[in-house]
N, C-alpha and C. Protein backbone atom coordinates (compact mmCIF):
# COMPACT_ATOMS: atom_id res chain seq x y z
N MET A 1 21.70 18.35 -14.31
CA MET A 1 20.52 18.05 -13.92
C MET A 1 20.51 17.04 -12.76
N ARG A 2 19.67 17.69 -11.59
CA ARG A 2 19.65 16.41 -10.43
C ARG A 2 18.78 15.23 -10.83
N TYR A 3 19.17 14.12 -10.01
CA TYR A 3 18.56 12.83 -10.24
C TYR A 3 16.97 13.30 -9.46
N LEU A 4 16.12 12.43 -10.42
CA LEU A 4 14.85 12.50 -9.61
C LEU A 4 15.14 11.19 -9.06
N THR A 5 14.74 11.03 -7.74
CA THR A 5 14.78 9.83 -6.65
C THR A 5 13.48 9.19 -6.47
N ILE A 6 13.53 7.58 -6.88
CA ILE A 6 12.48 7.01 -6.54
C ILE A 6 12.12 6.05 -5.97
N ALA A 7 11.23 5.71 -4.53
CA ALA A 7 11.24 4.74 -3.60
C ALA A 7 10.50 3.65 -4.36
N LEU A 8 10.70 2.15 -4.03
CA LEU A 8 10.03 1.17 -4.67
C LEU A 8 9.66 0.71 -3.34
N THR A 9 8.48 -0.11 -3.55
CA THR A 9 8.29 -1.03 -2.58
C THR A 9 9.03 -2.25 -2.67
N LYS A 10 9.39 -2.61 -1.83
CA LYS A 10 10.25 -4.21 -2.06
C LYS A 10 9.21 -5.23 -2.30
N GLY A 11 9.59 -6.30 -2.77
CA GLY A 11 8.75 -7.49 -2.90
C GLY A 11 7.99 -7.46 -4.67
N ARG A 12 6.89 -7.83 -4.54
CA ARG A 12 5.96 -7.99 -5.69
C ARG A 12 5.62 -6.64 -6.59
N LEU A 13 5.25 -5.54 -5.60
CA LEU A 13 5.27 -4.40 -6.17
C LEU A 13 6.51 -3.86 -6.69
N ALA A 14 7.68 -4.15 -6.54
CA ALA A 14 8.65 -3.62 -6.87
C ALA A 14 9.13 -4.32 -8.22
N SER A 15 9.25 -6.13 -8.33
CA SER A 15 8.86 -6.45 -9.61
C SER A 15 8.06 -6.10 -10.53
N GLN A 16 6.84 -5.78 -10.31
CA GLN A 16 6.12 -5.46 -11.16
C GLN A 16 6.39 -3.75 -11.97
N THR A 17 7.02 -2.78 -10.83
CA THR A 17 7.32 -1.77 -11.09
C THR A 17 8.57 -1.37 -12.01
N LEU A 18 9.59 -2.46 -11.90
CA LEU A 18 10.74 -2.69 -12.84
C LEU A 18 10.63 -3.37 -13.85
N LYS A 19 9.13 -4.00 -14.38
CA LYS A 19 8.76 -4.16 -15.64
C LYS A 19 8.33 -2.92 -16.15
N LEU A 20 7.85 -2.36 -15.28
CA LEU A 20 7.38 -0.91 -16.03
C LEU A 20 8.42 0.03 -16.23
N PHE A 21 9.44 -0.05 -15.31
CA PHE A 21 10.80 0.78 -15.74
C PHE A 21 11.42 0.48 -17.45
N GLU A 22 11.12 -1.20 -17.40
CA GLU A 22 12.21 -1.29 -18.68
C GLU A 22 11.25 -1.11 -19.56
N LYS A 23 10.01 -0.87 -19.79
CA LYS A 23 8.97 -0.68 -21.09
C LYS A 23 9.43 1.10 -21.29
N LEU A 24 9.74 1.62 -20.15
CA LEU A 24 9.98 3.25 -20.29
C LEU A 24 11.42 3.48 -20.87
N GLY A 25 12.20 2.37 -20.96
CA GLY A 25 13.46 2.65 -21.66
C GLY A 25 14.16 2.69 -20.44
N MET A 26 14.38 2.51 -19.20
CA MET A 26 15.05 2.67 -17.88
C MET A 26 15.77 1.48 -17.89
N ASN A 27 16.92 1.55 -17.16
CA ASN A 27 17.71 0.18 -16.78
C ASN A 27 17.40 -0.40 -15.49
N ALA A 28 16.68 -1.07 -15.62
CA ALA A 28 16.55 -1.70 -14.26
C ALA A 28 17.01 -3.38 -14.12
N GLU A 29 18.07 -3.62 -14.64
CA GLU A 29 18.55 -5.23 -14.80
C GLU A 29 19.55 -5.30 -13.51
N GLU A 30 20.18 -4.32 -12.96
CA GLU A 30 20.82 -4.50 -11.60
C GLU A 30 19.87 -4.46 -10.57
N ALA A 31 18.82 -4.01 -10.37
CA ALA A 31 17.87 -4.19 -9.34
C ALA A 31 17.08 -5.45 -9.32
N GLU A 32 17.08 -6.17 -10.51
CA GLU A 32 16.23 -7.22 -10.65
C GLU A 32 17.21 -8.55 -10.15
N ASP A 33 18.55 -8.26 -10.06
CA ASP A 33 19.52 -9.32 -9.45
C ASP A 33 19.40 -9.63 -8.09
N LYS A 34 19.16 -10.77 -7.71
CA LYS A 34 18.58 -10.94 -6.25
C LYS A 34 19.77 -11.18 -5.35
N HIS A 35 20.80 -11.26 -6.24
CA HIS A 35 22.40 -11.35 -5.07
C HIS A 35 23.18 -9.91 -5.00
N THR A 36 22.57 -8.95 -5.51
CA THR A 36 22.82 -7.60 -5.42
C THR A 36 23.01 -6.86 -4.03
N ARG A 37 24.25 -6.00 -3.69
CA ARG A 37 24.03 -6.01 -2.54
C ARG A 37 23.88 -4.16 -2.39
N LYS A 38 23.86 -3.85 -4.00
CA LYS A 38 23.68 -2.28 -3.86
C LYS A 38 22.39 -1.76 -3.58
N LEU A 39 22.28 -0.73 -3.06
CA LEU A 39 21.54 -0.02 -2.20
C LEU A 39 20.73 0.93 -3.14
N ILE A 40 21.07 1.73 -3.96
CA ILE A 40 20.73 2.41 -5.00
C ILE A 40 21.06 2.52 -6.43
N PHE A 41 20.15 2.39 -7.31
CA PHE A 41 20.42 2.27 -8.62
C PHE A 41 20.18 3.44 -9.68
N GLU A 42 21.09 3.86 -10.11
CA GLU A 42 21.03 4.84 -11.21
C GLU A 42 20.88 4.43 -12.52
N ASP A 43 20.35 5.39 -13.42
CA ASP A 43 20.37 5.54 -14.95
C ASP A 43 20.69 6.91 -15.16
N ASP A 44 22.05 7.24 -15.41
CA ASP A 44 22.67 8.37 -15.81
C ASP A 44 21.75 9.16 -17.02
N LYS A 45 21.57 8.23 -17.89
CA LYS A 45 21.03 8.67 -19.02
C LYS A 45 19.71 9.36 -18.93
N LEU A 46 18.73 8.81 -18.09
CA LEU A 46 17.42 9.60 -18.02
C LEU A 46 17.58 10.42 -16.30
N GLY A 47 18.88 10.16 -15.90
CA GLY A 47 18.80 11.24 -14.73
C GLY A 47 17.77 10.76 -13.59
N ILE A 48 17.40 9.59 -13.29
CA ILE A 48 16.85 8.93 -12.67
C ILE A 48 17.74 7.84 -11.29
N ARG A 49 17.42 8.00 -10.09
CA ARG A 49 18.33 6.83 -9.43
C ARG A 49 16.71 6.32 -8.43
N TYR A 50 16.83 4.91 -8.31
CA TYR A 50 15.80 4.49 -7.35
C TYR A 50 16.42 3.66 -6.36
N PHE A 51 15.39 3.30 -5.29
CA PHE A 51 15.83 2.31 -4.29
C PHE A 51 14.82 1.76 -3.67
N LEU A 52 15.01 0.52 -2.99
CA LEU A 52 13.95 -0.24 -2.43
C LEU A 52 14.06 -0.21 -1.12
N ALA A 53 12.65 -0.08 -0.51
CA ALA A 53 12.20 0.15 0.80
C ALA A 53 11.21 -0.68 1.41
N LYS A 54 10.81 -1.06 2.39
CA LYS A 54 9.93 -1.54 2.82
C LYS A 54 8.63 -0.65 2.75
N GLY A 55 7.30 -1.31 2.80
CA GLY A 55 6.22 -0.48 2.13
C GLY A 55 6.28 0.71 3.17
N PRO A 56 6.06 0.28 4.29
CA PRO A 56 5.73 1.50 5.29
C PRO A 56 6.78 2.70 5.40
N ASP A 57 7.92 2.34 4.81
CA ASP A 57 8.92 3.41 4.89
C ASP A 57 9.00 4.33 3.73
N VAL A 58 8.04 3.94 2.65
CA VAL A 58 8.02 4.88 1.26
C VAL A 58 7.57 6.09 1.14
N PRO A 59 6.10 6.46 1.99
CA PRO A 59 5.39 7.34 2.22
C PRO A 59 6.41 8.45 3.38
N THR A 60 7.01 7.81 4.02
CA THR A 60 8.20 8.43 5.02
C THR A 60 9.24 9.24 4.03
N TYR A 61 9.97 8.49 3.15
CA TYR A 61 10.70 8.68 2.35
C TYR A 61 10.13 9.97 1.58
N VAL A 62 9.40 9.97 1.04
CA VAL A 62 8.64 10.70 0.08
C VAL A 62 8.32 11.98 0.52
N ALA A 63 7.60 11.63 2.01
CA ALA A 63 7.46 13.00 2.67
C ALA A 63 8.29 14.03 3.29
N TYR A 64 9.64 13.26 3.44
CA TYR A 64 10.63 13.93 4.02
C TYR A 64 11.41 14.23 2.52
N GLY A 65 11.27 14.35 1.48
CA GLY A 65 11.99 14.69 0.14
C GLY A 65 13.34 13.93 -0.01
N ALA A 66 13.48 12.55 0.87
CA ALA A 66 14.44 11.65 0.58
C ALA A 66 14.21 11.04 -0.72
N ALA A 67 12.84 11.00 -1.40
CA ALA A 67 12.58 10.75 -2.56
C ALA A 67 11.73 11.67 -3.29
N ASP A 68 11.53 11.90 -4.26
CA ASP A 68 10.74 12.74 -5.09
C ASP A 68 9.32 11.64 -5.15
N ILE A 69 9.71 10.66 -5.37
CA ILE A 69 8.48 9.83 -6.16
C ILE A 69 8.36 8.55 -5.24
N GLY A 70 7.59 8.26 -5.23
CA GLY A 70 7.23 6.71 -4.38
C GLY A 70 6.33 5.74 -5.09
N ILE A 71 6.55 4.28 -5.05
CA ILE A 71 5.55 3.42 -5.47
C ILE A 71 5.26 2.59 -4.64
N VAL A 72 3.98 2.61 -3.87
CA VAL A 72 3.52 2.16 -2.91
C VAL A 72 1.95 1.39 -3.12
N GLY A 73 1.74 0.51 -2.16
CA GLY A 73 0.28 0.23 -2.18
C GLY A 73 -0.64 1.49 -1.34
N ARG A 74 -1.94 1.50 -1.75
CA ARG A 74 -2.65 2.15 -1.34
C ARG A 74 -3.40 2.15 0.40
N ASP A 75 -2.99 0.82 0.69
CA ASP A 75 -3.42 0.42 2.09
C ASP A 75 -2.15 1.40 2.86
N THR A 76 -1.04 1.48 2.26
CA THR A 76 0.22 2.01 3.22
C THR A 76 -0.17 3.33 3.28
N ILE A 77 -0.42 4.09 2.07
CA ILE A 77 -0.51 5.52 1.77
C ILE A 77 -1.96 5.67 3.01
N LEU A 78 -2.93 5.01 3.20
CA LEU A 78 -4.01 5.39 4.01
C LEU A 78 -3.40 4.98 5.58
N GLU A 79 -2.70 4.18 5.65
CA GLU A 79 -2.44 3.92 7.43
C GLU A 79 -1.22 4.84 7.83
N GLU A 80 -0.49 5.15 6.86
CA GLU A 80 0.78 5.99 7.42
C GLU A 80 0.26 7.55 7.59
N GLY A 81 -0.59 7.99 6.57
CA GLY A 81 -1.46 9.39 6.75
C GLY A 81 -0.35 10.47 6.15
N ARG A 82 0.73 10.24 5.62
CA ARG A 82 1.56 11.48 5.46
C ARG A 82 1.15 12.46 4.57
N GLN A 83 1.87 13.63 4.51
CA GLN A 83 1.38 14.59 3.56
C GLN A 83 2.11 14.96 2.19
N ILE A 84 1.64 14.01 1.59
CA ILE A 84 2.11 13.72 -0.29
C ILE A 84 0.90 13.54 -1.01
N TYR A 85 1.45 13.98 -2.01
CA TYR A 85 0.11 13.94 -3.17
C TYR A 85 0.02 12.20 -3.65
N GLU A 86 -1.06 11.66 -4.11
CA GLU A 86 -1.45 10.56 -4.79
C GLU A 86 -1.72 10.58 -5.90
N VAL A 87 -1.04 10.61 -7.01
CA VAL A 87 -1.26 11.26 -8.60
C VAL A 87 -1.69 10.28 -9.42
N MET A 88 -1.39 9.10 -9.06
CA MET A 88 -1.51 7.74 -10.28
C MET A 88 -1.99 6.29 -9.49
N ASP A 89 -2.75 5.84 -9.99
CA ASP A 89 -3.46 4.52 -9.93
C ASP A 89 -2.71 3.31 -11.14
N LEU A 90 -1.45 2.87 -10.49
CA LEU A 90 -0.71 2.00 -11.65
C LEU A 90 -1.51 0.46 -11.92
N GLY A 91 -2.77 0.05 -11.35
CA GLY A 91 -3.48 -0.53 -11.77
C GLY A 91 -3.18 -1.95 -11.27
N PHE A 92 -2.04 -2.43 -10.91
CA PHE A 92 -1.45 -3.69 -10.58
C PHE A 92 -1.61 -3.91 -8.99
N GLY A 93 -1.27 -4.79 -8.47
CA GLY A 93 -1.65 -5.17 -7.00
C GLY A 93 -2.91 -5.30 -6.63
N ARG A 94 -3.76 -5.33 -7.12
CA ARG A 94 -5.37 -4.69 -7.08
C ARG A 94 -5.94 -5.79 -5.87
N CYS A 95 -6.69 -5.29 -4.84
CA CYS A 95 -7.23 -6.26 -3.86
C CYS A 95 -8.14 -5.36 -2.91
N LYS A 96 -8.61 -5.62 -1.83
CA LYS A 96 -9.45 -4.95 -1.30
C LYS A 96 -9.18 -4.90 0.35
N MET A 97 -9.27 -4.11 1.18
CA MET A 97 -9.44 -4.01 2.73
C MET A 97 -10.86 -4.09 3.13
N CYS A 98 -11.09 -5.03 3.95
CA CYS A 98 -12.37 -5.76 4.27
C CYS A 98 -12.23 -5.78 5.90
N ILE A 99 -13.56 -6.17 6.19
CA ILE A 99 -13.97 -6.43 7.82
C ILE A 99 -14.35 -8.21 7.37
N CYS A 100 -13.50 -9.04 8.21
CA CYS A 100 -13.77 -10.54 7.89
C CYS A 100 -14.04 -10.92 9.46
N GLY A 101 -14.72 -12.19 9.38
CA GLY A 101 -14.81 -12.81 10.52
C GLY A 101 -15.77 -14.08 10.13
N PRO A 102 -16.22 -14.75 11.18
CA PRO A 102 -17.07 -15.91 11.05
C PRO A 102 -18.95 -15.22 10.58
N LYS A 103 -19.56 -15.84 9.99
CA LYS A 103 -20.69 -15.33 9.62
C LYS A 103 -21.69 -14.73 11.15
N SER A 104 -21.42 -15.35 12.02
CA SER A 104 -21.93 -15.33 13.15
C SER A 104 -21.75 -13.53 13.53
N ALA A 105 -20.69 -13.00 13.35
CA ALA A 105 -20.17 -11.54 13.52
C ALA A 105 -21.03 -10.94 12.63
N ARG A 106 -21.51 -11.11 11.65
CA ARG A 106 -22.35 -9.95 10.94
C ARG A 106 -23.37 -9.24 12.07
N LYS A 107 -24.17 -9.84 12.45
CA LYS A 107 -24.96 -9.37 13.43
C LYS A 107 -24.44 -8.21 14.28
N ALA A 108 -23.49 -8.26 14.67
CA ALA A 108 -23.02 -7.29 15.55
C ALA A 108 -22.44 -5.83 14.92
N LEU A 109 -22.08 -6.46 14.09
CA LEU A 109 -21.73 -5.49 12.69
C LEU A 109 -22.87 -4.30 12.63
N VAL A 110 -24.03 -5.21 12.23
CA VAL A 110 -25.17 -4.50 11.61
C VAL A 110 -25.61 -3.94 12.98
N SER A 111 -25.88 -4.38 14.28
CA SER A 111 -26.44 -3.85 15.56
C SER A 111 -25.60 -2.72 15.88
N GLY A 112 -24.28 -2.76 15.69
CA GLY A 112 -23.27 -1.53 16.11
C GLY A 112 -22.80 -1.71 17.82
N ASP A 113 -22.82 -3.19 18.02
CA ASP A 113 -22.58 -3.68 19.06
C ASP A 113 -20.71 -3.24 19.52
N LEU A 114 -20.60 -3.13 20.66
CA LEU A 114 -18.93 -2.77 20.90
C LEU A 114 -18.05 -4.08 20.79
N ILE A 115 -17.20 -4.42 19.56
CA ILE A 115 -16.36 -5.28 19.73
C ILE A 115 -15.04 -4.94 19.19
N ARG A 116 -14.09 -6.16 19.38
CA ARG A 116 -13.04 -5.96 19.18
C ARG A 116 -12.62 -6.15 17.32
N VAL A 117 -11.70 -5.38 17.05
CA VAL A 117 -11.33 -5.77 15.82
C VAL A 117 -9.71 -5.91 15.81
N ALA A 118 -8.99 -6.79 15.26
CA ALA A 118 -7.73 -7.31 15.14
C ALA A 118 -7.30 -6.75 13.45
N THR A 119 -6.24 -6.30 13.56
CA THR A 119 -5.77 -5.75 12.34
C THR A 119 -4.17 -5.41 12.42
N LYS A 120 -3.65 -5.53 11.38
CA LYS A 120 -2.31 -4.69 11.15
C LYS A 120 -2.58 -3.09 10.88
N TYR A 121 -3.34 -2.75 10.33
CA TYR A 121 -4.03 -1.37 10.09
C TYR A 121 -4.86 -0.44 11.19
N PRO A 122 -4.36 -0.29 12.07
CA PRO A 122 -5.22 0.41 13.20
C PRO A 122 -5.77 1.43 12.79
N HIS A 123 -5.06 2.59 11.81
CA HIS A 123 -5.56 3.69 11.23
C HIS A 123 -6.58 3.42 10.38
N ILE A 124 -6.60 2.57 9.29
CA ILE A 124 -7.34 2.46 8.72
C ILE A 124 -8.91 2.04 9.18
N ALA A 125 -8.68 1.09 10.09
CA ALA A 125 -9.57 0.52 11.13
C ALA A 125 -10.41 1.37 11.79
N LYS A 126 -9.62 2.29 12.60
CA LYS A 126 -10.10 3.17 13.00
C LYS A 126 -10.93 4.37 12.15
N ASP A 127 -10.69 4.67 11.42
CA ASP A 127 -11.52 5.54 10.75
C ASP A 127 -12.69 4.71 9.43
N TYR A 128 -12.58 3.46 9.66
CA TYR A 128 -13.99 2.96 9.07
C TYR A 128 -14.88 3.14 10.14
N PHE A 129 -14.57 2.45 11.24
CA PHE A 129 -15.44 2.27 12.38
C PHE A 129 -16.15 3.74 12.82
N LEU A 130 -15.05 4.62 13.29
CA LEU A 130 -15.63 5.57 14.04
C LEU A 130 -16.26 6.54 13.12
N ASN A 131 -15.44 7.02 12.00
CA ASN A 131 -16.22 7.80 11.19
C ASN A 131 -16.99 7.64 9.95
N ARG A 132 -16.48 6.42 9.70
CA ARG A 132 -18.01 5.80 8.60
C ARG A 132 -18.95 5.02 8.96
N LYS A 133 -18.86 4.37 10.03
CA LYS A 133 -19.81 3.56 10.50
C LYS A 133 -20.34 4.17 11.85
N HIS A 134 -19.58 5.04 12.47
CA HIS A 134 -19.94 5.75 13.53
C HIS A 134 -20.31 4.48 14.74
N GLN A 135 -19.39 3.36 14.49
CA GLN A 135 -19.51 2.34 15.70
C GLN A 135 -18.10 2.42 16.51
N THR A 136 -18.35 2.24 17.74
CA THR A 136 -17.03 1.94 18.66
C THR A 136 -16.76 0.67 18.88
N VAL A 137 -15.87 0.66 18.82
CA VAL A 137 -14.67 -0.63 18.56
C VAL A 137 -13.42 -0.54 19.52
N GLU A 138 -13.11 -2.04 19.70
CA GLU A 138 -12.00 -1.84 20.48
C GLU A 138 -10.54 -2.59 19.24
N ILE A 139 -9.63 -1.59 19.04
CA ILE A 139 -8.87 -1.97 17.75
C ILE A 139 -7.95 -2.57 18.63
N ILE A 140 -7.04 -3.90 18.04
CA ILE A 140 -6.04 -4.58 18.65
C ILE A 140 -5.01 -4.80 17.41
N LYS A 141 -3.93 -4.31 17.58
CA LYS A 141 -2.96 -4.03 16.86
C LYS A 141 -2.16 -5.56 16.65
N LEU A 142 -2.09 -6.25 15.60
CA LEU A 142 -1.04 -7.48 15.32
C LEU A 142 -0.42 -7.55 14.14
N ASN A 143 0.80 -8.21 14.13
CA ASN A 143 1.87 -8.30 13.05
C ASN A 143 1.90 -9.63 12.45
N GLY A 144 1.23 -10.43 12.81
CA GLY A 144 1.48 -11.86 12.39
C GLY A 144 0.07 -12.48 11.42
N SER A 145 -0.48 -13.47 11.38
CA SER A 145 -1.74 -13.87 10.92
C SER A 145 -2.74 -13.74 11.66
N ILE A 146 -3.39 -12.51 11.04
CA ILE A 146 -4.53 -11.81 11.71
C ILE A 146 -5.96 -12.90 11.52
N GLU A 147 -5.59 -13.80 10.77
CA GLU A 147 -6.87 -14.59 10.59
C GLU A 147 -6.88 -15.54 11.94
N LEU A 148 -6.24 -15.82 12.68
CA LEU A 148 -6.12 -16.26 14.03
C LEU A 148 -6.92 -15.77 15.04
N ALA A 149 -6.89 -14.12 14.98
CA ALA A 149 -7.86 -13.63 16.21
C ALA A 149 -8.88 -13.94 16.31
N PRO A 150 -9.94 -13.86 15.39
CA PRO A 150 -11.40 -14.43 15.60
C PRO A 150 -11.34 -16.12 16.11
N ILE A 151 -10.64 -16.83 15.40
CA ILE A 151 -10.59 -18.11 15.75
C ILE A 151 -10.39 -18.93 16.94
N VAL A 152 -9.36 -17.97 17.73
CA VAL A 152 -9.08 -18.07 19.20
C VAL A 152 -9.50 -17.17 20.23
N GLY A 153 -10.81 -16.63 19.36
CA GLY A 153 -11.24 -15.61 20.16
C GLY A 153 -10.89 -14.27 20.53
N LEU A 154 -9.97 -13.57 20.22
CA LEU A 154 -9.23 -12.58 20.58
C LEU A 154 -10.21 -11.28 20.18
N SER A 155 -10.64 -11.54 18.94
CA SER A 155 -11.64 -10.87 18.48
C SER A 155 -12.70 -11.07 17.69
N GLU A 156 -13.60 -10.03 17.41
CA GLU A 156 -14.96 -10.76 16.80
C GLU A 156 -14.53 -10.53 15.51
N VAL A 157 -13.90 -9.60 14.64
CA VAL A 157 -13.35 -9.56 13.57
C VAL A 157 -12.33 -8.85 13.20
N ILE A 158 -11.67 -9.28 12.01
CA ILE A 158 -10.69 -8.48 11.81
C ILE A 158 -10.83 -7.65 10.24
N CYS A 159 -9.54 -6.52 10.61
CA CYS A 159 -9.63 -5.65 9.17
C CYS A 159 -8.30 -5.68 8.59
N ASP A 160 -8.37 -6.22 7.35
CA ASP A 160 -7.23 -6.89 6.52
C ASP A 160 -7.30 -6.85 4.86
N ILE A 161 -6.43 -7.12 4.24
CA ILE A 161 -6.32 -7.12 2.91
C ILE A 161 -6.75 -8.45 2.28
N VAL A 162 -7.59 -8.83 1.11
CA VAL A 162 -8.39 -9.78 0.89
C VAL A 162 -8.03 -9.73 -0.58
N GLU A 163 -7.08 -10.94 -0.95
CA GLU A 163 -6.98 -10.78 -2.50
C GLU A 163 -7.76 -11.91 -3.33
N THR A 164 -7.76 -13.01 -2.57
CA THR A 164 -8.42 -14.26 -3.19
C THR A 164 -9.47 -14.66 -2.44
N GLY A 165 -9.26 -14.48 -0.95
CA GLY A 165 -10.20 -15.03 0.10
C GLY A 165 -9.93 -16.21 0.20
N ALA A 166 -8.99 -17.26 -0.40
CA ALA A 166 -8.47 -18.40 0.02
C ALA A 166 -8.30 -18.89 1.41
N THR A 167 -7.44 -18.17 1.98
CA THR A 167 -6.99 -18.18 3.46
C THR A 167 -8.28 -17.78 4.39
N LEU A 168 -9.19 -17.23 3.90
CA LEU A 168 -10.75 -16.76 4.68
C LEU A 168 -11.45 -18.03 4.76
N ARG A 169 -11.35 -18.59 3.70
CA ARG A 169 -12.63 -19.91 3.64
C ARG A 169 -11.92 -21.13 4.29
N GLU A 170 -10.39 -20.87 4.18
CA GLU A 170 -10.02 -22.49 4.86
C GLU A 170 -10.08 -22.39 6.21
N ASN A 171 -10.10 -21.33 6.61
CA ASN A 171 -10.21 -20.98 8.14
C ASN A 171 -11.49 -20.76 8.69
N GLY A 172 -12.58 -21.11 7.99
CA GLY A 172 -14.14 -20.64 8.25
C GLY A 172 -14.58 -19.27 8.34
N LEU A 173 -13.78 -18.33 7.77
CA LEU A 173 -14.23 -16.87 7.69
C LEU A 173 -14.51 -16.36 6.57
N THR A 174 -15.43 -15.30 6.44
CA THR A 174 -15.97 -14.85 5.12
C THR A 174 -15.49 -13.19 5.06
N VAL A 175 -15.74 -12.49 3.98
CA VAL A 175 -15.76 -11.25 4.14
C VAL A 175 -17.10 -10.73 4.54
N LEU A 176 -17.06 -9.73 5.71
CA LEU A 176 -18.59 -9.47 5.84
C LEU A 176 -18.86 -8.02 5.49
N GLU A 177 -17.50 -7.17 5.32
CA GLU A 177 -17.79 -5.73 4.78
C GLU A 177 -16.70 -5.18 4.05
N GLU A 178 -16.71 -4.48 3.21
CA GLU A 178 -15.80 -4.03 2.30
C GLU A 178 -15.30 -2.57 2.59
N VAL A 179 -13.90 -2.34 2.88
CA VAL A 179 -13.80 -1.24 3.17
C VAL A 179 -13.49 0.09 2.52
N CYS A 180 -12.47 -0.65 1.27
CA CYS A 180 -11.81 0.09 0.28
C CYS A 180 -11.29 -0.75 -0.76
N ASP A 181 -11.03 -0.13 -1.93
CA ASP A 181 -10.34 -0.89 -3.09
C ASP A 181 -8.61 -0.34 -2.82
N LEU A 182 -8.09 -1.38 -3.32
CA LEU A 182 -6.53 -1.14 -3.05
C LEU A 182 -5.80 -1.61 -4.26
N SER A 183 -4.54 -0.69 -4.79
CA SER A 183 -3.63 -1.03 -5.96
C SER A 183 -2.45 -0.45 -5.40
N ALA A 184 -1.53 -0.42 -6.35
CA ALA A 184 0.12 0.39 -6.40
C ALA A 184 -0.28 1.67 -6.83
N ARG A 185 0.11 2.38 -6.13
CA ARG A 185 -0.30 4.09 -6.43
C ARG A 185 1.08 4.77 -6.84
N VAL A 186 0.94 5.98 -7.37
CA VAL A 186 2.47 6.62 -7.38
C VAL A 186 2.02 8.01 -6.59
N VAL A 187 3.16 8.15 -5.69
CA VAL A 187 3.11 9.27 -5.00
C VAL A 187 4.05 10.38 -5.00
N VAL A 188 3.80 11.28 -4.58
CA VAL A 188 4.93 12.49 -4.96
C VAL A 188 4.79 13.48 -3.99
N ASN A 189 6.69 13.74 -3.75
CA ASN A 189 6.78 14.71 -2.30
C ASN A 189 6.00 16.24 -3.16
N GLN A 190 5.45 16.98 -1.65
CA GLN A 190 4.78 18.12 -2.04
C GLN A 190 5.69 19.44 -3.06
N VAL A 191 6.90 19.43 -2.47
CA VAL A 191 7.88 20.21 -2.73
C VAL A 191 8.66 20.00 -4.30
N SER A 192 8.66 18.75 -4.30
CA SER A 192 9.18 18.06 -5.74
C SER A 192 8.34 18.44 -6.94
N MET A 193 6.96 18.40 -6.26
CA MET A 193 5.95 18.38 -7.74
C MET A 193 6.32 19.93 -8.05
N LYS A 194 6.35 21.10 -7.19
CA LYS A 194 6.50 22.18 -7.40
C LYS A 194 7.90 22.28 -8.24
N MET A 195 8.84 21.95 -7.96
CA MET A 195 10.36 21.96 -8.55
C MET A 195 10.60 21.43 -9.58
N GLU A 196 9.86 20.05 -9.66
CA GLU A 196 10.26 19.48 -11.01
C GLU A 196 9.37 18.92 -11.61
N ASN A 197 7.93 19.99 -11.77
CA ASN A 197 6.89 19.33 -12.12
C ASN A 197 6.93 18.88 -13.39
N GLU A 198 7.50 19.57 -14.30
CA GLU A 198 7.68 19.26 -15.85
C GLU A 198 8.52 17.97 -15.88
N ARG A 199 9.23 17.38 -15.41
CA ARG A 199 9.96 16.03 -15.09
C ARG A 199 8.90 14.96 -14.65
N ILE A 200 8.29 15.66 -13.54
CA ILE A 200 7.60 14.41 -12.73
C ILE A 200 5.99 13.94 -13.66
N THR A 201 5.79 15.17 -13.93
CA THR A 201 4.61 14.97 -14.88
C THR A 201 4.74 14.30 -16.26
N GLY A 202 5.99 14.43 -16.79
CA GLY A 202 6.21 13.98 -18.04
C GLY A 202 6.38 12.48 -17.56
N LEU A 203 7.06 11.68 -16.51
CA LEU A 203 7.32 10.75 -16.23
C LEU A 203 5.84 10.00 -16.06
N ILE A 204 5.00 10.66 -15.42
CA ILE A 204 3.57 9.96 -14.87
C ILE A 204 3.01 9.65 -16.23
N ARG A 205 3.02 10.90 -17.26
CA ARG A 205 2.45 10.65 -18.65
C ARG A 205 3.12 9.48 -19.57
N SER A 206 4.15 9.39 -19.18
CA SER A 206 4.71 8.38 -20.07
C SER A 206 4.73 6.59 -19.46
N MET A 207 4.59 6.68 -18.06
CA MET A 207 3.59 5.60 -17.40
C MET A 207 2.15 5.19 -17.74
N LYS A 208 1.34 6.30 -17.96
CA LYS A 208 0.12 6.30 -18.53
C LYS A 208 0.15 5.67 -19.83
N GLU A 209 1.04 6.30 -20.69
CA GLU A 209 1.10 5.69 -22.13
C GLU A 209 1.47 4.14 -22.16
N VAL A 210 2.54 3.76 -21.22
CA VAL A 210 2.67 2.48 -21.14
C VAL A 210 1.54 1.51 -21.08
N LEU A 211 1.02 1.91 -20.03
CA LEU A 211 -0.16 0.98 -19.06
C LEU A 211 -1.00 0.93 -20.02
């Protein structure tokens, strides 16, 4: 029996997923060791192996078949746009993708003015403004603290993930529009879903029962 390979998103999503794995009877102890240098972890009994990867890489591993299954945030799925099946909402890591800025920027959003939008998620921002709002905008890709952009005048608004809103409030910004809900999702390679359908659907069913 070949291994089912699972790609996990590093960080908080991985730790929550590993707790779920333990409830499923999987051996997740090695992966939880912060000092380990191992890259791939195997559970011979269940025929499953898994590895940790950066969020944006998880859909790539799954799309190309290097992983049968991936656990990743919906923001990453939408941004990467890979040909993969999204099969389950795990319910943790909940937050929202929002358009944020000073209250004064609300008028430009309503009137449809040409504005600049700073974001780590240019594809999500482009889809929202062009396809849903039908508003022409200039999108500026940033990698650091997005909240800084409207404060220093780089952009009128930002498109970013909001969990509690504390950072926005501390910097005089607010949520102006909500783009979509986000959470951890299970994604599956399209070929794997056909070839290993019974095992994959069985694992998904077990996850649903535990959750």
